[in-house]
């Protein structure tokens, strides 16, 4: 019975590695210096800080009554001159 358990563990480990390999083929780590916000179609905004792999703190105007933290999927890279931030957090 021990050999069956060992065989199953090896098969699960192999399938997990195979799944991770295929899932990560198209994965790209996005790095932004300036960005546009998808939801508001506004920008460009300065990136103040990166929080983990998929969240950024954005320098938004005070008139925006939304959180300053955005998921990377909600941002589009801005290619151009980056202005200095209005405030630091």
PDB file of N, CA and C in Angstrom:
ATOM      1  N   UNK A   1       0.815  -1.202   0.000  1.00  0.00           N
ATOM      2  CA  UNK A   1       0.000   0.000   0.000  1.00  0.00           C
ATOM      3  C   UNK A   1       0.861   1.270   0.000  1.00  0.00           C
ATOM      4  N   UNK A   2       2.016   1.203   0.652  1.00  0.00           N
ATOM      5  CA  UNK A   2       2.906   2.353   0.709  1.00  0.00           C
ATOM      6  C   UNK A   2       3.396   2.730  -0.681  1.00  0.00           C
ATOM      7  N   UNK A   3       3.664   1.747  -1.513  1.00  0.00           N
ATOM      8  CA  UNK A   3       4.139   2.043  -2.864  1.00  0.00           C
ATOM      9  C   UNK A   3       3.047   2.724  -3.696  1.00  0.00           C
ATOM     10  N   UNK A   4       1.795   2.386  -3.464  1.00  0.00           N
ATOM     11  CA  UNK A   4       0.682   3.031  -4.177  1.00  0.00           C
ATOM     12  C   UNK A   4       0.593   4.500  -3.772  1.00  0.00           C
ATOM     13  N   UNK A   5       0.710   4.750  -2.481  1.00  0.00           N
ATOM     14  CA  UNK A   5       0.672   6.140  -1.986  1.00  0.00           C
ATOM     15  C   UNK A   5       1.831   6.946  -2.567  1.00  0.00           C
ATOM     16  N   UNK A   6       3.003   6.349  -2.601  1.00  0.00           N
ATOM     17  CA  UNK A   6       4.176   7.031  -3.148  1.00  0.00           C
ATOM     18  C   UNK A   6       3.998   7.314  -4.636  1.00  0.00           C
ATOM     19  N   UNK A   7       3.430   6.380  -5.365  1.00  0.00           N
ATOM     20  CA  UNK A   7       3.183   6.571  -6.797  1.00  0.00           C
ATOM     21  C   UNK A   7       2.172   7.694  -7.036  1.00  0.00           C
ATOM     22  N   UNK A   8       1.139   7.740  -6.207  1.00  0.00           N
ATOM     23  CA  UNK A   8       0.123   8.790  -6.338  1.00  0.00           C
ATOM     24  C   UNK A   8       0.731  10.151  -6.019  1.00  0.00           C
ATOM     25  N   UNK A   9       1.557  10.227  -4.971  1.00  0.00           N
ATOM     26  CA  UNK A   9       2.210  11.494  -4.629  1.00  0.00           C
ATOM     27  C   UNK A   9       3.094  11.983  -5.778  1.00  0.00           C
ATOM     28  N   UNK A  10       3.843  11.081  -6.382  1.00  0.00           N
ATOM     29  CA  UNK A  10       4.699  11.455  -7.510  1.00  0.00           C
ATOM     30  C   UNK A  10       3.870  11.942  -8.695  1.00  0.00           C
ATOM     31  N   UNK A  11       2.766  11.259  -8.975  1.00  0.00           N
ATOM     32  CA  UNK A  11       1.892  11.644 -10.089  1.00  0.00           C
ATOM     33  C   UNK A  11       1.269  13.022  -9.831  1.00  0.00           C
ATOM     34  N   UNK A  12       0.834  13.280  -8.604  1.00  0.00           N
ATOM     35  CA  UNK A  12       0.253  14.586  -8.252  1.00  0.00           C
ATOM     36  C   UNK A  12       1.310  15.680  -8.381  1.00  0.00           C
ATOM     37  N   UNK A  13       2.520  15.433  -7.905  1.00  0.00           N
ATOM     38  CA  UNK A  13       3.591  16.432  -8.001  1.00  0.00           C
ATOM     39  C   UNK A  13       3.925  16.731  -9.458  1.00  0.00           C
ATOM     40  N   UNK A  14       3.961  15.700 -10.297  1.00  0.00           N
ATOM     41  CA  UNK A  14       4.239  15.887 -11.712  1.00  0.00           C
ATOM     42  C   UNK A  14       3.141  16.704 -12.391  1.00  0.00           C
ATOM     43  N   UNK A  15       1.889  16.401 -12.096  1.00  0.00           N
ATOM     44  CA  UNK A  15       0.769  17.143 -12.682  1.00  0.00           C
ATOM     45  C   UNK A  15       0.746  18.588 -12.204  1.00  0.00           C
ATOM     46  N   UNK A  16       1.073  18.815 -10.934  1.00  0.00           N
ATOM     47  CA  UNK A  16       1.114  20.175 -10.398  1.00  0.00           C
ATOM     48  C   UNK A  16       2.197  21.000 -11.095  1.00  0.00           C
ATOM     49  N   UNK A  17       3.369  20.414 -11.277  1.00  0.00           N
ATOM     50  CA  UNK A  17       4.441  21.112 -11.986  1.00  0.00           C
ATOM     51  C   UNK A  17       4.070  21.398 -13.433  1.00  0.00           C
ATOM     52  N   UNK A  18       3.418  20.439 -14.071  1.00  0.00           N
ATOM     53  CA  UNK A  18       2.985  20.606 -15.459  1.00  0.00           C
ATOM     54  C   UNK A  18       1.951  21.738 -15.568  1.00  0.00           C
ATOM     55  N   UNK A  19       0.992  21.748 -14.651  1.00  0.00           N
ATOM     56  CA  UNK A  19      -0.030  22.801 -14.635  1.00  0.00           C
ATOM     57  C   UNK A  19       0.620  24.171 -14.417  1.00  0.00           C
ATOM     58  N   UNK A  20       1.534  24.276 -13.448  1.00  0.00           N
ATOM     59  CA  UNK A  20       2.182  25.549 -13.152  1.00  0.00           C
ATOM     60  C   UNK A  20       2.993  26.039 -14.351  1.00  0.00           C
ATOM     61  N   UNK A  21       3.663  25.132 -15.032  1.00  0.00           N
ATOM     62  CA  UNK A  21       4.447  25.511 -16.206  1.00  0.00           C
ATOM     63  C   UNK A  21       3.552  26.115 -17.287  1.00  0.00           C
ATOM     64  N   UNK A  22       2.439  25.468 -17.586  1.00  0.00           N
ATOM     65  CA  UNK A  22       1.540  25.967 -18.631  1.00  0.00           C
ATOM     66  C   UNK A  22       0.809  27.243 -18.202  1.00  0.00           C
ATOM     67  N   UNK A  23       0.487  27.347 -16.923  1.00  0.00           N
ATOM     68  CA  UNK A  23      -0.203  28.543 -16.435  1.00  0.00           C
ATOM     69  C   UNK A  23       0.712  29.762 -16.473  1.00  0.00           C
ATOM     70  N   UNK A  24       2.018  29.561 -16.312  1.00  0.00           N
ATOM     71  CA  UNK A  24       2.960  30.671 -16.251  1.00  0.00           C
ATOM     72  C   UNK A  24       3.582  31.021 -17.593  1.00  0.00           C
ATOM     73  N   UNK A  25       3.214  30.328 -18.656  1.00  0.00           N
ATOM     74  CA  UNK A  25       3.803  30.615 -19.962  1.00  0.00           C
ATOM     75  C   UNK A  25       3.520  32.037 -20.423  1.00  0.00           C
ATOM     76  N   UNK A  26       2.300  32.519 -20.219  1.00  0.00           N
ATOM     77  CA  UNK A  26       1.914  33.851 -20.680  1.00  0.00           C
ATOM     78  C   UNK A  26       1.971  34.902 -19.577  1.00  0.00           C
ATOM     79  N   UNK A  27       2.417  34.518 -18.400  1.00  0.00           N
ATOM     80  CA  UNK A  27       2.493  35.461 -17.279  1.00  0.00           C
ATOM     81  C   UNK A  27       3.612  36.465 -17.513  1.00  0.00           C
ATOM     82  N   UNK A  28       3.267  37.746 -17.392  1.00  0.00           N
ATOM     83  CA  UNK A  28       4.260  38.812 -17.498  1.00  0.00           C
ATOM     84  C   UNK A  28       4.138  39.702 -16.283  1.00  0.00           C
ATOM     85  N   UNK A  29       5.249  39.954 -15.639  1.00  0.00           N
ATOM     86  CA  UNK A  29       5.262  40.857 -14.493  1.00  0.00           C
ATOM     87  C   UNK A  29       5.252  42.279 -15.020  1.00  0.00           C
ATOM     88  N   UNK A  30       4.179  43.005 -14.782  1.00  0.00           N
ATOM     89  CA  UNK A  30       4.051  44.367 -15.289  1.00  0.00           C
ATOM     90  C   UNK A  30       4.706  45.348 -14.329  1.00  0.00           C
ATOM     91  N   UNK A  31       5.457  46.274 -14.884  1.00  0.00           N
ATOM     92  CA  UNK A  31       6.101  47.333 -14.119  1.00  0.00           C
ATOM     93  C   UNK A  31       5.665  48.667 -14.720  1.00  0.00           C
ATOM     94  N   UNK A  32       5.139  49.556 -13.899  1.00  0.00           N
ATOM     95  CA  UNK A  32       4.664  50.845 -14.365  1.00  0.00           C
ATOM     96  C   UNK A  32       5.445  51.973 -13.708  1.00  0.00           C
ATOM     97  N   UNK A  33       5.600  53.074 -14.449  1.00  0.00           N
ATOM     98  CA  UNK A  33       6.090  54.318 -13.854  1.00  0.00           C
ATOM     99  C   UNK A  33       4.987  55.367 -13.904  1.00  0.00           C
ATOM    100  N   UNK A  34       4.173  55.296 -14.914  1.00  0.00           N
ATOM    101  CA  UNK A  34       3.001  56.142 -15.053  1.00  0.00           C
ATOM    102  C   UNK A  34       1.890  55.281 -15.613  1.00  0.00           C
ATOM    103  N   UNK A  35       0.630  55.677 -15.385  1.00  0.00           N
ATOM    104  CA  UNK A  35      -0.451  54.804 -15.819  1.00  0.00           C
ATOM    105  C   UNK A  35      -1.738  55.583 -16.064  1.00  0.00           C
ATOM    106  N   UNK A  36      -2.649  54.924 -16.743  1.00  0.00           N
ATOM    107  CA  UNK A  36      -4.026  55.361 -16.893  1.00  0.00           C
ATOM    108  C   UNK A  36      -4.893  54.402 -16.102  1.00  0.00           C
ATOM    109  N   UNK A  37      -6.044  54.879 -15.607  1.00  0.00           N
ATOM    110  CA  UNK A  37      -6.981  54.020 -14.885  1.00  0.00           C
ATOM    111  C   UNK A  37      -8.084  53.614 -15.849  1.00  0.00           C
ATOM    112  N   UNK A  38      -8.319  52.312 -16.004  1.00  0.00           N
ATOM    113  CA  UNK A  38      -9.334  51.816 -16.932  1.00  0.00           C
ATOM    114  C   UNK A  38     -10.738  52.321 -16.588  1.00  0.00           C
ATOM    115  N   UNK A  39     -11.139  52.159 -15.338  1.00  0.00           N
ATOM    116  CA  UNK A  39     -12.526  52.433 -14.948  1.00  0.00           C
ATOM    117  C   UNK A  39     -12.930  53.877 -15.227  1.00  0.00           C
ATOM    118  N   UNK A  40     -12.048  54.801 -14.951  1.00  0.00           N
ATOM    119  CA  UNK A  40     -12.374  56.218 -15.132  1.00  0.00           C
ATOM    120  C   UNK A  40     -11.867  56.764 -16.455  1.00  0.00           C
ATOM    121  N   UNK A  41     -11.088  55.993 -17.169  1.00  0.00           N
ATOM    122  CA  UNK A  41     -10.445  56.438 -18.399  1.00  0.00           C
ATOM    123  C   UNK A  41      -9.762  57.784 -18.164  1.00  0.00           C
ATOM    124  N   UNK A  42      -9.023  57.838 -17.070  1.00  0.00           N
ATOM    125  CA  UNK A  42      -8.371  59.076 -16.659  1.00  0.00           C
ATOM    126  C   UNK A  42      -6.873  58.845 -16.532  1.00  0.00           C
ATOM    127  N   UNK A  43      -6.147  59.926 -16.602  1.00  0.00           N
ATOM    128  CA  UNK A  43      -4.710  59.819 -16.411  1.00  0.00           C
ATOM    129  C   UNK A  43      -3.998  60.779 -17.324  1.00  0.00           C
ATOM    130  N   UNK A  44      -2.742  60.792 -17.361  1.00  0.00           N
ATOM    131  CA  UNK A  44      -1.833  59.864 -16.684  1.00  0.00           C
ATOM    132  C   UNK A  44      -1.602  60.249 -15.226  1.00  0.00           C
ATOM    133  N   UNK A  45      -1.271  59.239 -14.424  1.00  0.00           N
ATOM    134  CA  UNK A  45      -0.999  59.435 -13.012  1.00  0.00           C
ATOM    135  C   UNK A  45       0.357  58.849 -12.654  1.00  0.00           C
ATOM    136  N   UNK A  46       0.969  59.435 -11.645  1.00  0.00           N
ATOM    137  CA  UNK A  46       2.256  58.970 -11.129  1.00  0.00           C
ATOM    138  C   UNK A  46       2.029  57.759 -10.230  1.00  0.00           C
ATOM    139  N   UNK A  47       2.922  56.767 -10.332  1.00  0.00           N
ATOM    140  CA  UNK A  47       2.922  55.636  -9.419  1.00  0.00           C
ATOM    141  C   UNK A  47       3.746  56.038  -8.201  1.00  0.00           C
ATOM    142  N   UNK A  48       3.165  55.915  -7.007  1.00  0.00           N
ATOM    143  CA  UNK A  48       3.892  56.273  -5.795  1.00  0.00           C
ATOM    144  C   UNK A  48       4.605  55.078  -5.184  1.00  0.00           C
ATOM    145  N   UNK A  49       3.933  53.915  -5.205  1.00  0.00           N
ATOM    146  CA  UNK A  49       4.508  52.759  -4.535  1.00  0.00           C
ATOM    147  C   UNK A  49       3.906  51.485  -5.124  1.00  0.00           C
ATOM    148  N   UNK A  50       4.690  50.420  -5.155  1.00  0.00           N
ATOM    149  CA  UNK A  50       4.203  49.117  -5.579  1.00  0.00           C
ATOM    150  C   UNK A  50       3.945  48.278  -4.330  1.00  0.00           C
ATOM    151  N   UNK A  51       2.749  47.705  -4.247  1.00  0.00           N
ATOM    152  CA  UNK A  51       2.388  46.860  -3.104  1.00  0.00           C
ATOM    153  C   UNK A  51       2.283  45.418  -3.582  1.00  0.00           C
ATOM    154  N   UNK A  52       3.285  44.647  -3.386  1.00  0.00           N
ATOM    155  CA  UNK A  52       3.252  43.247  -3.816  1.00  0.00           C
ATOM    156  C   UNK A  52       3.383  43.139  -5.323  1.00  0.00           C
ATOM    157  N   UNK A  53       2.867  42.023  -5.876  1.00  0.00           N
ATOM    158  CA  UNK A  53       3.009  41.748  -7.300  1.00  0.00           C
ATOM    159  C   UNK A  53       1.932  42.403  -8.156  1.00  0.00           C
ATOM    160  N   UNK A  54       0.792  42.739  -7.564  1.00  0.00           N
ATOM    161  CA  UNK A  54      -0.303  43.184  -8.416  1.00  0.00           C
ATOM    162  C   UNK A  54      -1.051  44.408  -7.908  1.00  0.00           C
ATOM    163  N   UNK A  55      -0.472  45.209  -7.059  1.00  0.00           N
ATOM    164  CA  UNK A  55      -1.162  46.398  -6.565  1.00  0.00           C
ATOM    165  C   UNK A  55      -0.223  47.597  -6.557  1.00  0.00           C
ATOM    166  N   UNK A  56      -0.784  48.759  -6.903  1.00  0.00           N
ATOM    167  CA  UNK A  56      -0.017  50.002  -6.941  1.00  0.00           C
ATOM    168  C   UNK A  56      -0.764  51.098  -6.202  1.00  0.00           C
ATOM    169  N   UNK A  57      -0.007  51.994  -5.572  1.00  0.00           N
ATOM    170  CA  UNK A  57      -0.559  53.214  -4.984  1.00  0.00           C
ATOM    171  C   UNK A  57      -0.353  54.309  -6.021  1.00  0.00           C
ATOM    172  N   UNK A  58      -1.449  54.971  -6.404  1.00  0.00           N
ATOM    173  CA  UNK A  58      -1.438  55.965  -7.464  1.00  0.00           C
ATOM    174  C   UNK A  58      -1.607  57.356  -6.865  1.00  0.00           C
ATOM    175  N   UNK A  59      -0.936  58.336  -7.450  1.00  0.00           N
ATOM    176  CA  UNK A  59      -1.058  59.734  -7.029  1.00  0.00           C
ATOM    177  C   UNK A  59      -2.284  60.341  -7.719  1.00  0.00           C
ATOM    178  N   UNK A  60      -3.441  60.220  -7.073  1.00  0.00           N
ATOM    179  CA  UNK A  60      -4.691  60.755  -7.625  1.00  0.00           C
ATOM    180  C   UNK A  60      -4.949  62.159  -7.096  1.00  0.00           C
ATOM    181  N   UNK A  61      -5.668  62.971  -7.859  1.00  0.00           N
ATOM    182  CA  UNK A  61      -6.072  64.287  -7.348  1.00  0.00           C
ATOM    183  C   UNK A  61      -7.020  64.126  -6.155  1.00  0.00           C
ATOM    184  N   UNK A  62      -7.065  65.102  -5.298  1.00  0.00           N
ATOM    185  CA  UNK A  62      -7.929  65.044  -4.117  1.00  0.00           C
ATOM    186  C   UNK A  62      -9.411  65.050  -4.481  1.00  0.00           C
ATOM    187  N   UNK A  63      -9.748  65.489  -5.688  1.00  0.00           N
ATOM    188  CA  UNK A  63     -11.153  65.509  -6.101  1.00  0.00           C
ATOM    189  C   UNK A  63     -11.681  64.109  -6.401  1.00  0.00           C
ATOM    190  N   UNK A  64     -10.798  63.145  -6.595  1.00  0.00           N
ATOM    191  CA  UNK A  64     -11.225  61.758  -6.805  1.00  0.00           C
ATOM    192  C   UNK A  64     -11.549  61.156  -5.446  1.00  0.00           C
ATOM    193  N   UNK A  65     -12.739  60.683  -5.291  1.00  0.00           N
ATOM    194  CA  UNK A  65     -13.158  60.130  -4.001  1.00  0.00           C
ATOM    195  C   UNK A  65     -13.098  58.603  -4.036  1.00  0.00           C
ATOM    196  N   UNK A  66     -12.011  58.072  -4.564  1.00  0.00           N
ATOM    197  CA  UNK A  66     -11.814  56.628  -4.621  1.00  0.00           C
ATOM    198  C   UNK A  66     -10.480  56.286  -3.977  1.00  0.00           C
ATOM    199  N   UNK A  67     -10.275  55.022  -3.714  1.00  0.00           N
ATOM    200  CA  UNK A  67      -9.035  54.554  -3.103  1.00  0.00           C
ATOM    201  C   UNK A  67      -7.852  54.833  -4.025  1.00  0.00           C
ATOM    202  N   UNK A  68      -6.704  55.041  -3.445  1.00  0.00           N
ATOM    203  CA  UNK A  68      -5.485  55.303  -4.196  1.00  0.00           C
ATOM    204  C   UNK A  68      -4.767  54.009  -4.568  1.00  0.00           C
ATOM    205  N   UNK A  69      -5.300  52.855  -4.129  1.00  0.00           N
ATOM    206  CA  UNK A  69      -4.687  51.556  -4.396  1.00  0.00           C
ATOM    207  C   UNK A  69      -5.448  50.866  -5.527  1.00  0.00           C
ATOM    208  N   UNK A  70      -4.702  50.422  -6.551  1.00  0.00           N
ATOM    209  CA  UNK A  70      -5.311  49.781  -7.711  1.00  0.00           C
ATOM    210  C   UNK A  70      -4.629  48.467  -8.040  1.00  0.00           C
ATOM    211  N   UNK A  71      -5.417  47.527  -8.533  1.00  0.00           N
ATOM    212  CA  UNK A  71      -4.891  46.270  -9.046  1.00  0.00           C
ATOM    213  C   UNK A  71      -4.246  46.537 -10.391  1.00  0.00           C
ATOM    214  N   UNK A  72      -3.219  45.775 -10.719  1.00  0.00           N
ATOM    215  CA  UNK A  72      -2.486  45.961 -11.968  1.00  0.00           C
ATOM    216  C   UNK A  72      -3.396  45.767 -13.179  1.00  0.00           C
ATOM    217  N   UNK A  73      -4.440  44.966 -13.060  1.00  0.00           N
ATOM    218  CA  UNK A  73      -5.367  44.736 -14.172  1.00  0.00           C
ATOM    219  C   UNK A  73      -6.208  45.968 -14.495  1.00  0.00           C
ATOM    220  N   UNK A  74      -6.309  46.907 -13.547  1.00  0.00           N
ATOM    221  CA  UNK A  74      -7.102  48.118 -13.758  1.00  0.00           C
ATOM    222  C   UNK A  74      -6.270  49.266 -14.316  1.00  0.00           C
ATOM    223  N   UNK A  75      -5.020  49.021 -14.631  1.00  0.00           N
ATOM    224  CA  UNK A  75      -4.116  50.072 -15.083  1.00  0.00           C
ATOM    225  C   UNK A  75      -3.588  49.784 -16.485  1.00  0.00           C
ATOM    226  N   UNK A  76      -3.300  50.855 -17.206  1.00  0.00           N
ATOM    227  CA  UNK A  76      -2.655  50.765 -18.507  1.00  0.00           C
ATOM    228  C   UNK A  76      -1.394  51.617 -18.440  1.00  0.00           C
ATOM    229  N   UNK A  77      -0.308  51.093 -18.988  1.00  0.00           N
ATOM    230  CA  UNK A  77       0.961  51.801 -18.923  1.00  0.00           C
ATOM    231  C   UNK A  77       0.909  53.107 -19.705  1.00  0.00           C
ATOM    232  N   UNK A  78       1.511  54.146 -19.131  1.00  0.00           N
ATOM    233  CA  UNK A  78       1.633  55.441 -19.781  1.00  0.00           C
ATOM    234  C   UNK A  78       3.063  55.591 -20.253  1.00  0.00           C
ATOM    235  N   UNK A  79       3.223  55.911 -21.516  1.00  0.00           N
ATOM    236  CA  UNK A  79       4.565  56.122 -22.076  1.00  0.00           C
ATOM    237  C   UNK A  79       4.698  57.597 -22.420  1.00  0.00           C
ATOM    238  N   UNK A  80       5.449  58.295 -21.633  1.00  0.00           N
ATOM    239  CA  UNK A  80       5.634  59.726 -21.838  1.00  0.00           C
ATOM    240  C   UNK A  80       6.327  60.325 -20.635  1.00  0.00           C
ATOM    241  N   UNK A  81       6.282  61.647 -20.516  1.00  0.00           N
ATOM    242  CA  UNK A  81       6.926  62.350 -19.415  1.00  0.00           C
ATOM    243  C   UNK A  81       6.138  62.138 -18.127  1.00  0.00           C
ATOM    244  N   UNK A  82       6.836  61.753 -17.080  1.00  0.00           N
ATOM    245  CA  UNK A  82       6.216  61.540 -15.773  1.00  0.00           C
ATOM    246  C   UNK A  82       6.426  62.795 -14.930  1.00  0.00           C
ATOM    247  N   UNK A  83       5.336  63.312 -14.384  1.00  0.00           N
ATOM    248  CA  UNK A  83       5.394  64.516 -13.568  1.00  0.00           C
ATOM    249  C   UNK A  83       5.687  64.148 -12.118  1.00  0.00           C
ATOM    250  N   UNK A  84       6.244  65.053 -11.317  1.00  0.00           N
ATOM    251  CA  UNK A  84       6.508  64.740  -9.913  1.00  0.00           C
ATOM    252  C   UNK A  84       5.201  64.529  -9.144  1.00  0.00           C
ATOM    253  N   UNK A  85       5.203  63.671  -8.107  1.00  0.00           N
ATOM    254  CA  UNK A  85       3.974  63.406  -7.351  1.00  0.00           C
ATOM    255  C   UNK A  85       3.499  64.630  -6.582  1.00  0.00           C
ATOM    256  N   UNK A  86       2.183  64.705  -6.374  1.00  0.00           N
ATOM    257  CA  UNK A  86       1.579  65.821  -5.625  1.00  0.00           C
ATOM    258  C   UNK A  86       1.711  65.619  -4.121  1.00  0.00           C
ATOM    259  N   UNK A  87       1.736  64.364  -3.685  1.00  0.00           N
ATOM    260  CA  UNK A  87       1.877  64.091  -2.270  1.00  0.00           C
ATOM    261  C   UNK A  87       2.560  62.745  -2.100  1.00  0.00           C
ATOM    262  N   UNK A  88       3.081  62.490  -0.935  1.00  0.00           N
ATOM    263  CA  UNK A  88       3.719  61.208  -0.629  1.00  0.00           C
ATOM    264  C   UNK A  88       2.960  60.538   0.491  1.00  0.00           C
ATOM    265  N   UNK A  89       2.810  59.204   0.379  1.00  0.00           N
ATOM    266  CA  UNK A  89       2.128  58.462   1.437  1.00  0.00           C
ATOM    267  C   UNK A  89       3.088  57.585   2.166  1.00  0.00           C
TER     268      UNK A  89
END
